[in-house]
């Protein structure tokens, strides 16, 4: 069950503490169970991969396809963007809630694409390549919709405050579907940079099987990078409602470097590599010992990618 990130669990009555005897028996039973299972069962990584990709299908927003494997899910969020006069149907819900947060969604698609780029053969052997491509495209189709003009990107659909105070199926949601955007007057270089990375990485994935779509993704990625670099600023300062949920603590410089590196990998154009080299010192991260790689902090991933090109 996903709880509001600002709230703590509330307890209205303390449960009786287990006796030391009960504690020891629990530990013993768990130990025996783990011992027997590790001796008799091999890890099924193919099954883990299948279930991981199945999770993304359960998080889909919009009009679901005929081959939807999570059959208890149905169409939802079909009016997203209607109040703002744009089509923002699709994409992924964040967790157990119904908000569509652009920054973590874009990072998710970047990582899905990077996995396919690095491990395509293994994913194919497991019989999951088609599902992986579908998971990526479900996200990038939404990003294409959300990028309504060169300098406009819709950052969020839904309101976390109202959404997290109720518990509904997405098919029945009654909470706000207000949409929020970044533009020239309300910049968001971090969001633009991560969405650049997502679309550039996905363009590599689809280059061999769907070249037209790959070219379209690359076109959007290049426009978004120019937008994010020219109009600099943190997206959570332009879209204040996101601060309590996915605030850009690390700032936007890591995303600009990250996006440029993915554009270099997708195009081979030296200007993007020169951008990384020219800004690495003042933007930071290249020589740092990083302890985190996440939707907020991209330096570690950038270091790995850069190490392959130098």
Protein backbone atom coordinates (compact mmCIF):
# COMPACT_ATOMS: atom_id res chain seq x y z
CA UNK A 1 0.00 0.00 0.00
CA UNK A 2 1.53 3.32 -1.03
CA UNK A 3 1.33 6.06 1.61
CA UNK A 4 1.79 9.79 1.34
CA UNK A 5 5.54 10.43 1.37
CA UNK A 6 5.01 13.25 3.88
CA UNK A 7 3.06 11.20 6.36
CA UNK A 8 4.09 8.65 8.92
CA UNK A 9 2.08 5.56 9.68
CA UNK A 10 -0.36 6.19 12.54
CA UNK A 11 -0.93 3.60 15.20
CA UNK A 12 -4.04 3.73 17.34
CA UNK A 13 -3.13 0.92 19.64
CA UNK A 14 0.06 -0.97 20.33
CA UNK A 15 0.00 -4.67 19.61
CA UNK A 16 1.25 -6.96 22.38
CA UNK A 17 4.94 -7.68 22.12
CA UNK A 18 5.85 -11.27 21.25
CA UNK A 19 7.63 -13.27 23.92
CA UNK A 20 11.31 -14.07 23.57
CA UNK A 21 10.31 -17.71 22.99
CA UNK A 22 8.05 -16.77 20.13
CA UNK A 23 10.75 -14.56 18.65
CA UNK A 24 13.27 -17.39 18.69
CA UNK A 25 10.87 -19.85 17.09
CA UNK A 26 10.05 -17.36 14.36
CA UNK A 27 13.73 -16.87 13.64
CA UNK A 28 14.32 -20.62 13.62
CA UNK A 29 11.45 -21.33 11.26
CA UNK A 30 12.56 -18.56 8.90
CA UNK A 31 16.13 -19.90 8.95
CA UNK A 32 14.98 -23.45 8.15
CA UNK A 33 12.75 -22.18 5.35
CA UNK A 34 15.56 -20.15 3.79
CA UNK A 35 18.04 -23.01 4.17
CA UNK A 36 15.76 -25.56 2.51
CA UNK A 37 14.84 -23.24 -0.31
CA UNK A 38 18.40 -22.20 -1.10
CA UNK A 39 19.44 -25.85 -1.20
CA UNK A 40 16.59 -27.13 -3.35
CA UNK A 41 15.54 -24.23 -5.57
CA UNK A 42 17.54 -22.30 -8.15
CA UNK A 43 16.83 -18.64 -8.72
CA UNK A 44 14.56 -18.16 -11.73
CA UNK A 45 15.71 -14.83 -13.13
CA UNK A 46 13.53 -15.28 -16.20
CA UNK A 47 10.46 -15.39 -13.99
CA UNK A 48 11.67 -12.33 -12.09
CA UNK A 49 12.04 -10.48 -15.38
CA UNK A 50 8.56 -11.52 -16.51
CA UNK A 51 6.97 -10.35 -13.29
CA UNK A 52 8.91 -7.08 -13.31
CA UNK A 53 7.59 -6.24 -16.78
CA UNK A 54 4.13 -7.38 -15.76
CA UNK A 55 4.23 -4.75 -13.02
CA UNK A 56 4.55 -2.01 -15.62
CA UNK A 57 1.42 -3.26 -17.35
CA UNK A 58 -0.46 -2.95 -14.07
CA UNK A 59 0.65 0.69 -13.85
CA UNK A 60 -0.61 1.71 -17.29
CA UNK A 61 -2.86 4.72 -17.62
CA UNK A 62 -5.09 5.39 -20.60
CA UNK A 63 -6.83 3.13 -23.08
CA UNK A 64 -5.43 -0.36 -22.59
CA UNK A 65 -4.56 -2.58 -25.58
CA UNK A 66 -6.22 -5.86 -26.51
CA UNK A 67 -3.17 -7.85 -25.40
CA UNK A 68 -3.12 -6.40 -21.88
CA UNK A 69 -2.01 -9.27 -19.64
CA UNK A 70 -3.16 -7.72 -16.36
CA UNK A 71 -6.81 -8.39 -17.08
CA UNK A 72 -8.22 -6.83 -13.90
CA UNK A 73 -7.09 -3.42 -15.12
CA UNK A 74 -9.28 -1.39 -17.52
CA UNK A 75 -9.24 1.97 -19.30
CA UNK A 76 -8.62 4.96 -17.02
CA UNK A 77 -7.58 8.58 -17.13
CA UNK A 78 -9.24 9.07 -20.51
CA UNK A 79 -9.82 12.79 -19.96
CA UNK A 80 -6.29 13.64 -18.81
CA UNK A 81 -5.32 17.03 -20.24
CA UNK A 82 -8.85 17.85 -21.39
CA UNK A 83 -9.16 20.88 -19.10
CA UNK A 84 -5.95 22.29 -20.55
CA UNK A 85 -6.90 21.50 -24.15
CA UNK A 86 -4.21 18.85 -24.69
CA UNK A 87 -4.21 15.06 -24.98
CA UNK A 88 -2.31 13.66 -22.03
CA UNK A 89 -3.94 10.22 -22.03
CA UNK A 90 -1.49 7.40 -21.41
CA UNK A 91 1.76 6.97 -19.56
CA UNK A 92 2.24 5.35 -16.17
CA UNK A 93 0.80 5.92 -12.74
CA UNK A 94 3.50 6.47 -10.17
CA UNK A 95 2.73 3.74 -7.65
CA UNK A 96 -0.49 2.87 -5.83
CA UNK A 97 -1.69 6.39 -6.52
CA UNK A 98 -2.95 7.90 -9.77
CA UNK A 99 -0.58 10.82 -10.28
CA UNK A 100 1.59 10.83 -13.39
CA UNK A 101 4.91 12.38 -12.33
CA UNK A 102 7.07 13.21 -15.33
CA UNK A 103 10.55 13.02 -13.78
CA UNK A 104 10.47 9.51 -12.26
CA UNK A 105 8.47 8.24 -15.25
CA UNK A 106 11.14 9.49 -17.65
CA UNK A 107 13.94 7.98 -15.56
CA UNK A 108 12.08 4.66 -15.58
CA UNK A 109 11.90 4.66 -19.37
CA UNK A 110 15.58 5.61 -19.63
CA UNK A 111 16.52 2.65 -17.45
CA UNK A 112 14.24 0.23 -19.30
CA UNK A 113 15.86 1.31 -22.56
CA UNK A 114 19.37 1.05 -21.14
CA UNK A 115 18.62 -2.49 -20.01
CA UNK A 116 17.48 -3.46 -23.51
CA UNK A 117 20.56 -1.83 -25.05
CA UNK A 118 22.93 -3.70 -22.72
CA UNK A 119 21.10 -7.02 -22.33
CA UNK A 120 18.91 -7.41 -25.40
CA UNK A 121 20.11 -10.95 -26.12
CA UNK A 122 19.46 -12.18 -22.59
CA UNK A 123 16.02 -10.55 -22.51
CA UNK A 124 15.19 -12.13 -25.86
CA UNK A 125 16.31 -15.58 -24.67
CA UNK A 126 13.96 -15.18 -21.70
CA UNK A 127 11.15 -14.48 -24.18
CA UNK A 128 10.52 -11.00 -22.79
CA UNK A 129 11.95 -8.67 -25.44
CA UNK A 130 8.56 -7.86 -26.96
CA UNK A 131 7.14 -7.02 -23.55
CA UNK A 132 10.16 -4.85 -22.73
CA UNK A 133 9.73 -2.91 -25.98
CA UNK A 134 6.03 -2.46 -25.24
CA UNK A 135 6.85 -1.11 -21.78
CA UNK A 136 9.27 1.42 -23.24
CA UNK A 137 6.92 2.52 -26.02
CA UNK A 138 4.02 2.97 -23.61
CA UNK A 139 6.14 5.61 -21.89
CA UNK A 140 7.60 7.28 -24.98
CA UNK A 141 4.20 7.52 -26.69
CA UNK A 142 3.10 9.56 -23.69
CA UNK A 143 6.20 11.76 -23.77
CA UNK A 144 5.52 12.59 -27.42
CA UNK A 145 2.04 13.74 -26.41
CA UNK A 146 3.38 15.68 -23.43
CA UNK A 147 5.90 17.56 -25.60
CA UNK A 148 3.31 19.73 -27.30
CA UNK A 149 5.74 22.29 -28.74
CA UNK A 150 9.54 22.72 -28.78
CA UNK A 151 9.58 24.68 -25.52
CA UNK A 152 6.62 23.12 -23.71
CA UNK A 153 6.60 19.85 -21.77
CA UNK A 154 3.75 18.74 -19.51
CA UNK A 155 5.30 17.73 -16.22
CA UNK A 156 2.52 16.21 -14.15
CA UNK A 157 -1.09 15.08 -14.31
CA UNK A 158 -3.02 14.83 -11.05
CA UNK A 159 -2.54 16.30 -7.61
CA UNK A 160 -0.68 14.31 -5.00
CA UNK A 161 -2.28 16.08 -2.05
CA UNK A 162 -5.86 15.13 -2.94
CA UNK A 163 -4.88 11.81 -4.50
CA UNK A 164 -3.06 10.53 -1.44
CA UNK A 165 -5.99 11.23 0.87
CA UNK A 166 -8.17 8.59 -0.73
CA UNK A 167 -7.93 5.00 -1.90
CA UNK A 168 -9.55 4.25 -5.26
CA UNK A 169 -9.12 2.17 -8.36
CA UNK A 170 -7.79 4.29 -11.25
CA UNK A 171 -10.88 3.28 -13.20
CA UNK A 172 -13.04 4.99 -10.55
CA UNK A 173 -10.88 7.97 -9.56
CA UNK A 174 -12.65 11.19 -8.65
CA UNK A 175 -9.60 13.28 -7.69
CA UNK A 176 -8.19 16.27 -9.55
CA UNK A 177 -6.61 15.66 -12.96
CA UNK A 178 -5.08 19.10 -13.18
CA UNK A 179 -2.07 19.14 -15.51
CA UNK A 180 1.10 21.19 -15.02
CA UNK A 181 3.72 22.19 -17.58
CA UNK A 182 7.17 23.71 -17.96
CA UNK A 183 7.90 26.29 -20.64
CA UNK A 184 10.09 29.32 -21.38
CA UNK A 185 8.65 31.28 -18.46
CA UNK A 186 8.49 28.28 -16.13
CA UNK A 187 11.67 26.30 -16.83
CA UNK A 188 12.48 22.76 -15.81
CA UNK A 189 15.90 21.75 -17.11
CA UNK A 190 16.00 18.62 -14.95
CA UNK A 191 12.72 17.29 -16.35
CA UNK A 192 13.62 18.31 -19.90
CA UNK A 193 17.06 16.70 -19.52
CA UNK A 194 15.72 13.39 -18.19
CA UNK A 195 13.00 13.23 -20.85
CA UNK A 196 15.75 13.90 -23.39
CA UNK A 197 17.64 10.90 -22.03
CA UNK A 198 14.53 8.70 -22.11
CA UNK A 199 13.67 9.51 -25.71
CA UNK A 200 17.27 9.36 -26.95
CA UNK A 201 17.84 5.99 -25.27
CA UNK A 202 14.56 4.65 -26.66
CA UNK A 203 15.52 5.87 -30.13
CA UNK A 204 18.51 3.52 -29.96
CA UNK A 205 16.26 0.64 -28.92
CA UNK A 206 13.86 1.11 -31.86
CA UNK A 207 16.44 2.08 -34.48
CA UNK A 208 16.63 -1.38 -36.03
CA UNK A 209 12.97 -2.40 -35.84
CA UNK A 210 11.08 0.88 -36.20
CA UNK A 211 13.36 3.51 -37.78
CA UNK A 212 10.59 6.06 -38.34
CA UNK A 213 9.60 5.97 -34.68
CA UNK A 214 13.26 6.07 -33.66
CA UNK A 215 13.78 9.22 -35.73
CA UNK A 216 10.68 10.82 -34.20
CA UNK A 217 11.96 10.14 -30.68
CA UNK A 218 15.36 11.58 -31.53
CA UNK A 219 13.75 14.72 -32.95
CA UNK A 220 11.84 15.29 -29.71
CA UNK A 221 14.94 14.53 -27.63
CA UNK A 222 17.03 17.12 -29.46
CA UNK A 223 14.33 19.78 -29.11
CA UNK A 224 13.92 19.06 -25.42
CA UNK A 225 17.65 19.29 -24.79
CA UNK A 226 17.86 22.67 -26.50
CA UNK A 227 14.87 23.86 -24.47
CA UNK A 228 16.25 22.64 -21.15
CA UNK A 229 19.71 24.06 -21.78
CA UNK A 230 18.53 27.46 -23.01
CA UNK A 231 15.90 28.08 -20.34
CA UNK A 232 17.54 26.83 -17.18
CA UNK A 233 15.86 26.19 -13.88
CA UNK A 234 14.56 23.49 -11.55
CA UNK A 235 11.20 22.07 -12.48
CA UNK A 236 9.96 21.95 -8.89
CA UNK A 237 10.29 25.73 -8.72
CA UNK A 238 7.95 26.00 -11.71
CA UNK A 239 5.64 23.16 -10.69
CA UNK A 240 5.36 23.70 -6.95
CA UNK A 241 2.93 20.85 -6.31
CA UNK A 242 5.66 18.31 -7.01
CA UNK A 243 7.97 19.47 -4.21
CA UNK A 244 6.45 17.22 -1.57
CA UNK A 245 6.85 14.14 -3.77
CA UNK A 246 9.65 14.38 -6.33
CA UNK A 247 11.63 17.51 -5.54
CA UNK A 248 14.76 18.00 -7.62
CA UNK A 249 17.21 17.99 -4.73
CA UNK A 250 20.29 17.49 -6.92
CA UNK A 251 19.34 20.30 -9.29
CA UNK A 252 19.31 20.16 -13.07
CA UNK A 253 22.99 20.03 -14.04
CA UNK A 254 23.27 16.25 -13.79
CA UNK A 255 20.23 15.81 -16.07
CA UNK A 256 21.66 18.16 -18.70
CA UNK A 257 24.91 16.18 -18.77
CA UNK A 258 22.97 12.89 -18.72
CA UNK A 259 20.73 13.99 -21.59
CA UNK A 260 23.69 15.20 -23.64
CA UNK A 261 25.50 11.90 -23.15
CA UNK A 262 22.49 9.92 -24.33
CA UNK A 263 22.15 12.18 -27.36
CA UNK A 264 25.80 11.53 -28.16
CA UNK A 265 25.22 7.80 -27.88
CA UNK A 266 22.13 8.03 -30.09
CA UNK A 267 23.54 10.34 -32.78
CA UNK A 268 27.32 10.07 -32.64
CA UNK A 269 27.39 13.86 -32.98
CA UNK A 270 30.52 15.17 -31.26
CA UNK A 271 28.81 18.39 -30.20
CA UNK A 272 26.99 16.50 -27.46
CA UNK A 273 30.19 14.88 -26.21
CA UNK A 274 31.88 18.28 -26.29
CA UNK A 275 29.00 19.65 -24.23
CA UNK A 276 29.65 17.02 -21.55
CA UNK A 277 33.41 17.60 -21.59
CA UNK A 278 33.04 21.38 -21.59
CA UNK A 279 30.59 21.45 -18.69
CA UNK A 280 31.74 18.49 -16.61
CA UNK A 281 33.94 20.53 -14.29
CA UNK A 282 31.50 23.36 -13.56
CA UNK A 283 28.43 21.08 -13.50
CA UNK A 284 30.17 18.57 -11.23
CA UNK A 285 29.81 14.85 -10.79
CA UNK A 286 32.41 13.43 -13.15
CA UNK A 287 35.16 13.03 -10.56
CA UNK A 288 32.91 12.57 -7.56
CA UNK A 289 32.53 9.32 -5.63
CA UNK A 290 28.80 8.81 -5.95
CA UNK A 291 26.73 6.81 -3.48
CA UNK A 292 23.36 7.19 -5.23
CA UNK A 293 21.89 6.66 -8.68
CA UNK A 294 18.21 7.49 -8.83
CA UNK A 295 15.44 9.46 -10.49
CA UNK A 296 17.01 12.54 -8.86
CA UNK A 297 20.77 11.96 -9.11
CA UNK A 298 22.24 10.89 -12.49
CA UNK A 299 25.98 11.41 -12.00
CA UNK A 300 26.79 7.73 -11.40
CA UNK A 301 25.09 6.68 -14.64
CA UNK A 302 26.84 9.50 -16.47
CA UNK A 303 30.21 8.32 -15.14
CA UNK A 304 29.58 4.78 -16.39
CA UNK A 305 28.55 5.97 -19.85
CA UNK A 306 31.45 8.42 -20.09
CA UNK A 307 33.95 5.74 -19.05
CA UNK A 308 33.01 3.74 -22.14
CA UNK A 309 33.88 6.62 -24.46
CA UNK A 310 37.18 7.79 -22.98
